Amino acid sequence: MLYSNILALGAATLAAAAPVAENTQDYAFNVTNFVFGCTTGCYWYLDVSVEGEGPHHPAVNTPVHCEGGLDEDTDYVQCGNVSDTQAIYAYIVKDTNELNLQYEVQYPEETAVYRYYGQQTVYAATSDQADLQEPNFKVLETETTGVA
């Protein structure tokens, strides 16, 4: 009896910590004023908002500003202040020029955190592929995780 109670409690704990999938097909990061270039170092900046409303995915209509450097920022940097429970993060992978975006939404009353991710290759204005880069573009959210 005690063994089955412990087993049930362990299963419930694992289920609570498991990632929760949410349909991201209507969610996107809206990137504006994107600038990325390299001279003595590689630096980027952008403004970003979040499109799409869902059960745990409020839209962010007012863009927040984000900036970083490829040598200094090898992981997500926080972009501006959205709210006490919402944050947007970004960074560019130096070796691949992949822009990574993350939108985090916390629900303290549920002790839950949801994270939405999107990636897109970007091109430096100082590279031979500079004409491929637009200053304004959308990055679809392709992955979501949630832990309650």
N, C-alpha and C. Protein backbone atom coordinates (compact mmCIF):
# COMPACT_ATOMS: atom_id res chain seq x y z
N MET A 1 0.82 -1.19 0.00
CA MET A 1 0.00 0.00 0.00
C MET A 1 0.87 1.27 0.00
N LEU A 2 1.83 1.32 0.89
CA LEU A 2 2.71 2.46 0.96
C LEU A 2 3.49 2.62 -0.34
N TYR A 3 3.95 1.50 -0.91
CA TYR A 3 4.70 1.53 -2.16
C TYR A 3 3.85 2.12 -3.30
N SER A 4 2.59 1.75 -3.39
CA SER A 4 1.73 2.27 -4.47
C SER A 4 1.45 3.76 -4.26
N ASN A 5 1.34 4.22 -3.03
CA ASN A 5 1.15 5.65 -2.76
C ASN A 5 2.39 6.45 -3.17
N ILE A 6 3.57 5.92 -2.87
CA ILE A 6 4.81 6.59 -3.25
C ILE A 6 4.94 6.62 -4.76
N LEU A 7 4.61 5.52 -5.41
CA LEU A 7 4.67 5.45 -6.87
C LEU A 7 3.71 6.45 -7.50
N ALA A 8 2.49 6.55 -6.97
CA ALA A 8 1.51 7.50 -7.51
C ALA A 8 1.96 8.93 -7.30
N LEU A 9 2.53 9.23 -6.14
CA LEU A 9 3.03 10.58 -5.86
C LEU A 9 4.17 10.93 -6.80
N GLY A 10 5.08 9.98 -7.03
CA GLY A 10 6.20 10.22 -7.95
C GLY A 10 5.71 10.47 -9.36
N ALA A 11 4.72 9.72 -9.83
CA ALA A 11 4.17 9.90 -11.18
C ALA A 11 3.51 11.27 -11.30
N ALA A 12 2.79 11.70 -10.26
CA ALA A 12 2.14 13.01 -10.29
C ALA A 12 3.17 14.13 -10.34
N THR A 13 4.27 13.97 -9.62
CA THR A 13 5.33 14.97 -9.63
C THR A 13 5.96 15.07 -11.00
N LEU A 14 6.25 13.93 -11.63
CA LEU A 14 6.82 13.94 -12.98
C LEU A 14 5.87 14.56 -13.98
N ALA A 15 4.60 14.28 -13.88
CA ALA A 15 3.62 14.85 -14.80
C ALA A 15 3.55 16.36 -14.67
N ALA A 16 3.66 16.87 -13.45
CA ALA A 16 3.60 18.32 -13.23
C ALA A 16 4.81 19.02 -13.82
N ALA A 17 5.96 18.36 -13.88
CA ALA A 17 7.17 18.99 -14.38
C ALA A 17 7.38 18.75 -15.87
N ALA A 18 6.56 17.94 -16.50
CA ALA A 18 6.73 17.62 -17.92
C ALA A 18 6.36 18.82 -18.78
N PRO A 19 7.04 19.01 -19.92
CA PRO A 19 6.70 20.10 -20.82
C PRO A 19 5.27 19.99 -21.33
N VAL A 20 4.63 21.12 -21.46
CA VAL A 20 3.26 21.18 -21.96
C VAL A 20 3.29 21.81 -23.34
N ALA A 21 2.80 21.12 -24.32
CA ALA A 21 2.79 21.65 -25.68
C ALA A 21 1.58 22.55 -25.88
N GLU A 22 1.75 23.60 -26.62
CA GLU A 22 0.65 24.50 -26.98
C GLU A 22 0.79 24.78 -28.47
N ASN A 23 -0.31 24.86 -29.16
CA ASN A 23 -0.29 25.10 -30.60
C ASN A 23 0.28 26.50 -30.87
N THR A 24 1.39 26.55 -31.59
CA THR A 24 2.05 27.82 -31.85
C THR A 24 1.82 28.34 -33.26
N GLN A 25 0.93 27.73 -34.02
CA GLN A 25 0.79 28.09 -35.43
C GLN A 25 0.37 29.54 -35.66
N ASP A 26 -0.30 30.15 -34.72
CA ASP A 26 -0.74 31.54 -34.89
C ASP A 26 0.12 32.53 -34.11
N TYR A 27 1.24 32.07 -33.56
CA TYR A 27 2.10 32.92 -32.75
C TYR A 27 3.35 33.28 -33.52
N ALA A 28 3.78 34.55 -33.36
CA ALA A 28 4.99 34.98 -34.05
C ALA A 28 5.63 36.14 -33.30
N PHE A 29 6.94 36.24 -33.44
CA PHE A 29 7.68 37.40 -33.00
C PHE A 29 7.69 38.39 -34.17
N ASN A 30 7.34 39.62 -33.90
CA ASN A 30 7.36 40.66 -34.93
C ASN A 30 8.60 41.53 -34.69
N VAL A 31 9.61 41.35 -35.52
CA VAL A 31 10.89 42.05 -35.38
C VAL A 31 10.87 43.29 -36.27
N THR A 32 11.22 44.44 -35.69
CA THR A 32 11.30 45.69 -36.44
C THR A 32 12.63 46.37 -36.11
N ASN A 33 13.03 47.28 -36.98
CA ASN A 33 14.24 48.07 -36.80
C ASN A 33 15.48 47.20 -36.57
N PHE A 34 15.55 46.07 -37.25
CA PHE A 34 16.67 45.15 -37.08
C PHE A 34 17.92 45.67 -37.78
N VAL A 35 19.01 45.73 -37.03
CA VAL A 35 20.31 46.12 -37.57
C VAL A 35 21.34 45.15 -37.01
N PHE A 36 22.19 44.61 -37.90
CA PHE A 36 23.22 43.66 -37.51
C PHE A 36 24.42 43.91 -38.40
N GLY A 37 25.57 44.16 -37.78
CA GLY A 37 26.76 44.42 -38.57
C GLY A 37 28.03 44.15 -37.80
N CYS A 38 29.11 44.00 -38.54
CA CYS A 38 30.41 43.68 -37.94
C CYS A 38 31.47 44.65 -38.47
N THR A 39 32.23 45.22 -37.53
CA THR A 39 33.41 46.01 -37.89
C THR A 39 34.54 45.49 -37.00
N THR A 40 34.80 46.13 -35.89
CA THR A 40 35.78 45.58 -34.94
C THR A 40 35.15 44.50 -34.08
N GLY A 41 33.85 44.42 -34.08
CA GLY A 41 33.06 43.40 -33.40
C GLY A 41 31.73 43.29 -34.11
N CYS A 42 30.94 42.31 -33.75
CA CYS A 42 29.61 42.13 -34.37
C CYS A 42 28.53 42.49 -33.36
N TYR A 43 27.68 43.44 -33.72
CA TYR A 43 26.65 43.92 -32.83
C TYR A 43 25.30 43.95 -33.54
N TRP A 44 24.23 43.84 -32.76
CA TRP A 44 22.89 43.83 -33.33
C TRP A 44 21.95 44.55 -32.39
N TYR A 45 20.87 45.06 -32.96
CA TYR A 45 19.77 45.55 -32.15
C TYR A 45 18.48 45.39 -32.92
N LEU A 46 17.38 45.36 -32.17
CA LEU A 46 16.07 45.15 -32.76
C LEU A 46 14.99 45.56 -31.77
N ASP A 47 13.81 45.73 -32.29
CA ASP A 47 12.61 45.90 -31.47
C ASP A 47 11.75 44.69 -31.76
N VAL A 48 11.07 44.17 -30.74
CA VAL A 48 10.30 42.95 -30.93
C VAL A 48 9.00 42.99 -30.12
N SER A 49 7.94 42.53 -30.76
CA SER A 49 6.65 42.35 -30.10
C SER A 49 6.23 40.90 -30.36
N VAL A 50 5.13 40.49 -29.76
CA VAL A 50 4.66 39.11 -29.89
C VAL A 50 3.21 39.12 -30.35
N GLU A 51 2.95 38.40 -31.44
CA GLU A 51 1.59 38.31 -32.00
C GLU A 51 0.94 37.00 -31.60
N GLY A 52 -0.36 37.04 -31.42
CA GLY A 52 -1.14 35.84 -31.15
C GLY A 52 -1.60 35.78 -29.70
N GLU A 53 -2.86 35.44 -29.53
CA GLU A 53 -3.45 35.29 -28.20
C GLU A 53 -3.79 33.82 -28.00
N GLY A 54 -3.52 33.32 -26.81
CA GLY A 54 -3.85 31.95 -26.48
C GLY A 54 -4.06 31.81 -24.98
N PRO A 55 -4.40 30.62 -24.51
CA PRO A 55 -4.68 30.41 -23.09
C PRO A 55 -3.53 30.85 -22.17
N HIS A 56 -2.31 30.61 -22.56
CA HIS A 56 -1.15 31.01 -21.76
C HIS A 56 -0.19 31.84 -22.58
N HIS A 57 -0.73 32.54 -23.56
CA HIS A 57 0.09 33.31 -24.51
C HIS A 57 -0.55 34.66 -24.79
N PRO A 58 -0.40 35.63 -23.87
CA PRO A 58 -0.91 36.97 -24.17
C PRO A 58 -0.02 37.65 -25.21
N ALA A 59 -0.63 38.43 -26.06
CA ALA A 59 0.15 39.18 -27.06
C ALA A 59 0.91 40.31 -26.37
N VAL A 60 2.01 40.72 -26.97
CA VAL A 60 2.77 41.88 -26.52
C VAL A 60 2.72 42.86 -27.69
N ASN A 61 1.84 43.85 -27.59
CA ASN A 61 1.60 44.77 -28.71
C ASN A 61 2.62 45.90 -28.80
N THR A 62 3.19 46.30 -27.68
CA THR A 62 4.18 47.37 -27.68
C THR A 62 5.57 46.75 -27.77
N PRO A 63 6.32 47.05 -28.83
CA PRO A 63 7.65 46.45 -28.98
C PRO A 63 8.59 46.84 -27.85
N VAL A 64 9.47 45.91 -27.49
CA VAL A 64 10.54 46.20 -26.54
C VAL A 64 11.87 46.17 -27.30
N HIS A 65 12.84 46.90 -26.83
CA HIS A 65 14.14 47.02 -27.50
C HIS A 65 15.11 45.98 -26.96
N CYS A 66 15.94 45.47 -27.85
CA CYS A 66 16.94 44.47 -27.46
C CYS A 66 18.21 44.73 -28.25
N GLU A 67 19.35 44.51 -27.62
CA GLU A 67 20.61 44.66 -28.33
C GLU A 67 21.67 43.78 -27.68
N GLY A 68 22.68 43.44 -28.49
CA GLY A 68 23.75 42.61 -27.98
C GLY A 68 24.90 42.52 -28.96
N GLY A 69 25.89 41.74 -28.56
CA GLY A 69 27.06 41.50 -29.39
C GLY A 69 27.34 40.02 -29.49
N LEU A 70 27.85 39.60 -30.63
CA LEU A 70 28.09 38.18 -30.84
C LEU A 70 29.17 37.62 -29.93
N ASP A 71 30.17 38.41 -29.59
CA ASP A 71 31.22 37.92 -28.71
C ASP A 71 30.83 38.01 -27.23
N GLU A 72 30.07 39.03 -26.87
CA GLU A 72 29.71 39.24 -25.47
C GLU A 72 28.51 38.42 -25.03
N ASP A 73 27.55 38.24 -25.90
CA ASP A 73 26.28 37.61 -25.54
C ASP A 73 26.13 36.27 -26.25
N THR A 74 26.49 35.20 -25.55
CA THR A 74 26.42 33.87 -26.14
C THR A 74 25.19 33.11 -25.68
N ASP A 75 24.30 33.79 -24.97
CA ASP A 75 23.02 33.22 -24.55
C ASP A 75 22.02 34.37 -24.52
N TYR A 76 20.79 34.06 -24.18
CA TYR A 76 19.73 35.06 -24.22
C TYR A 76 20.03 36.29 -23.36
N VAL A 77 19.73 37.47 -23.92
CA VAL A 77 19.74 38.72 -23.16
C VAL A 77 18.30 39.21 -23.09
N GLN A 78 17.93 39.82 -21.98
CA GLN A 78 16.56 40.28 -21.82
C GLN A 78 16.34 41.57 -22.59
N CYS A 79 15.22 41.62 -23.27
CA CYS A 79 14.83 42.79 -24.05
C CYS A 79 13.86 43.63 -23.23
N GLY A 80 14.18 44.84 -22.97
CA GLY A 80 13.26 45.77 -22.32
C GLY A 80 12.41 45.16 -21.23
N ASN A 81 11.49 45.91 -20.70
CA ASN A 81 10.60 45.44 -19.64
C ASN A 81 9.19 45.30 -20.20
N VAL A 82 8.68 44.08 -20.25
CA VAL A 82 7.30 43.87 -20.71
C VAL A 82 6.37 44.01 -19.53
N SER A 83 6.55 43.19 -18.49
CA SER A 83 5.76 43.27 -17.26
C SER A 83 6.46 42.44 -16.20
N ASP A 84 5.86 42.37 -15.01
CA ASP A 84 6.45 41.56 -13.94
C ASP A 84 6.39 40.07 -14.26
N THR A 85 5.48 39.65 -15.14
CA THR A 85 5.31 38.23 -15.43
C THR A 85 5.60 37.86 -16.89
N GLN A 86 6.05 38.81 -17.68
CA GLN A 86 6.35 38.54 -19.09
C GLN A 86 7.71 39.11 -19.45
N ALA A 87 8.47 38.33 -20.23
CA ALA A 87 9.79 38.80 -20.68
C ALA A 87 10.07 38.24 -22.07
N ILE A 88 10.83 39.01 -22.84
CA ILE A 88 11.28 38.58 -24.17
C ILE A 88 12.80 38.61 -24.15
N TYR A 89 13.41 37.58 -24.73
CA TYR A 89 14.86 37.43 -24.76
C TYR A 89 15.31 37.18 -26.20
N ALA A 90 16.58 37.51 -26.48
CA ALA A 90 17.12 37.29 -27.82
C ALA A 90 18.63 37.11 -27.76
N TYR A 91 19.16 36.44 -28.76
CA TYR A 91 20.61 36.41 -29.03
C TYR A 91 20.84 35.85 -30.42
N ILE A 92 22.02 36.12 -30.97
CA ILE A 92 22.41 35.59 -32.28
C ILE A 92 23.59 34.65 -32.06
N VAL A 93 23.49 33.45 -32.60
CA VAL A 93 24.57 32.46 -32.52
C VAL A 93 25.67 32.89 -33.48
N LYS A 94 26.88 33.07 -32.96
CA LYS A 94 27.98 33.60 -33.75
C LYS A 94 28.34 32.73 -34.95
N ASP A 95 28.38 31.43 -34.78
CA ASP A 95 28.82 30.53 -35.86
C ASP A 95 27.81 30.36 -36.98
N THR A 96 26.52 30.58 -36.68
CA THR A 96 25.48 30.31 -37.68
C THR A 96 24.65 31.53 -38.07
N ASN A 97 24.83 32.65 -37.35
CA ASN A 97 24.00 33.84 -37.56
C ASN A 97 22.51 33.54 -37.38
N GLU A 98 22.20 32.65 -36.45
CA GLU A 98 20.81 32.32 -36.17
C GLU A 98 20.30 33.19 -35.03
N LEU A 99 19.26 33.98 -35.33
CA LEU A 99 18.60 34.79 -34.31
C LEU A 99 17.68 33.88 -33.52
N ASN A 100 17.85 33.84 -32.21
CA ASN A 100 17.02 33.05 -31.32
C ASN A 100 16.20 33.99 -30.46
N LEU A 101 14.90 33.76 -30.43
CA LEU A 101 13.99 34.57 -29.64
C LEU A 101 13.24 33.68 -28.66
N GLN A 102 12.97 34.22 -27.48
CA GLN A 102 12.21 33.50 -26.46
C GLN A 102 11.23 34.45 -25.79
N TYR A 103 10.01 33.98 -25.62
CA TYR A 103 8.97 34.73 -24.91
C TYR A 103 8.59 33.90 -23.69
N GLU A 104 8.73 34.50 -22.51
CA GLU A 104 8.43 33.80 -21.26
C GLU A 104 7.24 34.43 -20.57
N VAL A 105 6.29 33.60 -20.16
CA VAL A 105 5.10 34.06 -19.44
C VAL A 105 5.00 33.26 -18.15
N GLN A 106 4.95 33.98 -17.03
CA GLN A 106 4.84 33.32 -15.72
C GLN A 106 3.42 33.49 -15.18
N TYR A 107 2.93 32.42 -14.57
CA TYR A 107 1.64 32.43 -13.90
C TYR A 107 1.87 32.01 -12.45
N PRO A 108 2.24 32.97 -11.58
CA PRO A 108 2.58 32.62 -10.19
C PRO A 108 1.46 31.90 -9.45
N GLU A 109 0.20 32.27 -9.73
CA GLU A 109 -0.91 31.61 -9.04
C GLU A 109 -1.03 30.14 -9.42
N GLU A 110 -0.52 29.76 -10.57
CA GLU A 110 -0.52 28.37 -11.01
C GLU A 110 0.86 27.74 -10.80
N THR A 111 1.81 28.52 -10.32
CA THR A 111 3.23 28.13 -10.26
C THR A 111 3.67 27.54 -11.59
N ALA A 112 3.31 28.21 -12.67
CA ALA A 112 3.63 27.74 -14.02
C ALA A 112 4.44 28.78 -14.78
N VAL A 113 5.32 28.29 -15.66
CA VAL A 113 6.11 29.14 -16.55
C VAL A 113 6.02 28.55 -17.94
N TYR A 114 5.65 29.38 -18.91
CA TYR A 114 5.57 28.96 -20.31
C TYR A 114 6.61 29.72 -21.10
N ARG A 115 7.31 29.00 -21.98
CA ARG A 115 8.32 29.62 -22.83
C ARG A 115 8.04 29.26 -24.28
N TYR A 116 8.11 30.27 -25.13
CA TYR A 116 7.86 30.12 -26.56
C TYR A 116 9.13 30.53 -27.31
N TYR A 117 9.52 29.74 -28.31
CA TYR A 117 10.79 29.95 -29.00
C TYR A 117 10.60 30.09 -30.51
N GLY A 118 11.48 30.86 -31.12
CA GLY A 118 11.53 30.97 -32.57
C GLY A 118 12.97 31.26 -32.99
N GLN A 119 13.32 30.81 -34.21
CA GLN A 119 14.67 31.00 -34.73
C GLN A 119 14.60 31.39 -36.20
N GLN A 120 15.57 32.19 -36.62
CA GLN A 120 15.67 32.55 -38.04
C GLN A 120 17.10 32.99 -38.34
N THR A 121 17.61 32.58 -39.48
CA THR A 121 18.93 33.03 -39.92
C THR A 121 18.84 34.49 -40.32
N VAL A 122 19.83 35.27 -39.89
CA VAL A 122 19.90 36.68 -40.23
C VAL A 122 21.25 36.96 -40.89
N TYR A 123 21.35 38.09 -41.54
CA TYR A 123 22.55 38.42 -42.32
C TYR A 123 23.07 39.79 -41.90
N ALA A 124 24.37 39.87 -41.71
CA ALA A 124 24.99 41.12 -41.31
C ALA A 124 25.01 42.10 -42.48
N ALA A 125 24.78 43.35 -42.17
CA ALA A 125 24.80 44.40 -43.19
C ALA A 125 26.19 44.56 -43.79
N THR A 126 27.20 44.04 -43.12
CA THR A 126 28.58 44.15 -43.60
C THR A 126 29.04 42.87 -44.31
N SER A 127 28.12 41.93 -44.54
CA SER A 127 28.51 40.67 -45.18
C SER A 127 28.18 40.71 -46.68
N ASP A 128 28.64 39.70 -47.40
CA ASP A 128 28.34 39.62 -48.82
C ASP A 128 26.89 39.22 -49.10
N GLN A 129 26.14 38.89 -48.04
CA GLN A 129 24.73 38.55 -48.19
C GLN A 129 23.82 39.61 -47.55
N ALA A 130 24.33 40.80 -47.43
CA ALA A 130 23.60 41.88 -46.76
C ALA A 130 22.24 42.15 -47.41
N ASP A 131 22.14 41.96 -48.72
CA ASP A 131 20.87 42.24 -49.40
C ASP A 131 19.77 41.25 -49.04
N LEU A 132 20.11 40.15 -48.35
CA LEU A 132 19.11 39.17 -47.92
C LEU A 132 18.40 39.57 -46.62
N GLN A 133 18.96 40.56 -45.93
CA GLN A 133 18.39 40.93 -44.64
C GLN A 133 17.41 42.09 -44.77
N GLU A 134 16.26 41.93 -44.15
CA GLU A 134 15.23 42.97 -44.09
C GLU A 134 15.25 43.60 -42.69
N PRO A 135 14.89 44.88 -42.58
CA PRO A 135 14.86 45.50 -41.26
C PRO A 135 13.63 45.08 -40.44
N ASN A 136 12.57 44.61 -41.12
CA ASN A 136 11.33 44.21 -40.46
C ASN A 136 10.93 42.83 -40.97
N PHE A 137 10.67 41.90 -40.04
CA PHE A 137 10.29 40.54 -40.44
C PHE A 137 9.62 39.82 -39.28
N LYS A 138 8.98 38.71 -39.59
CA LYS A 138 8.33 37.87 -38.57
C LYS A 138 9.14 36.60 -38.39
N VAL A 139 9.18 36.13 -37.15
CA VAL A 139 9.79 34.85 -36.81
C VAL A 139 8.70 34.02 -36.16
N LEU A 140 8.29 32.94 -36.82
CA LEU A 140 7.25 32.08 -36.28
C LEU A 140 7.73 31.37 -35.02
N GLU A 141 6.85 31.24 -34.05
CA GLU A 141 7.17 30.45 -32.88
C GLU A 141 7.05 28.98 -33.28
N THR A 142 8.10 28.23 -33.02
CA THR A 142 8.15 26.84 -33.46
C THR A 142 8.15 25.84 -32.33
N GLU A 143 8.32 26.33 -31.11
CA GLU A 143 8.42 25.41 -29.97
C GLU A 143 7.89 26.09 -28.74
N THR A 144 7.29 25.31 -27.85
CA THR A 144 6.82 25.83 -26.58
C THR A 144 7.05 24.80 -25.49
N THR A 145 7.34 25.28 -24.30
CA THR A 145 7.44 24.42 -23.14
C THR A 145 6.69 25.09 -22.01
N GLY A 146 6.20 24.28 -21.11
CA GLY A 146 5.53 24.80 -19.94
C GLY A 146 5.76 23.86 -18.78
N VAL A 147 6.04 24.44 -17.62
CA VAL A 147 6.24 23.66 -16.42
C VAL A 147 5.33 24.21 -15.35
N ALA A 148 4.51 23.34 -14.80
CA ALA A 148 3.59 23.76 -13.75
C ALA A 148 4.06 23.26 -12.41
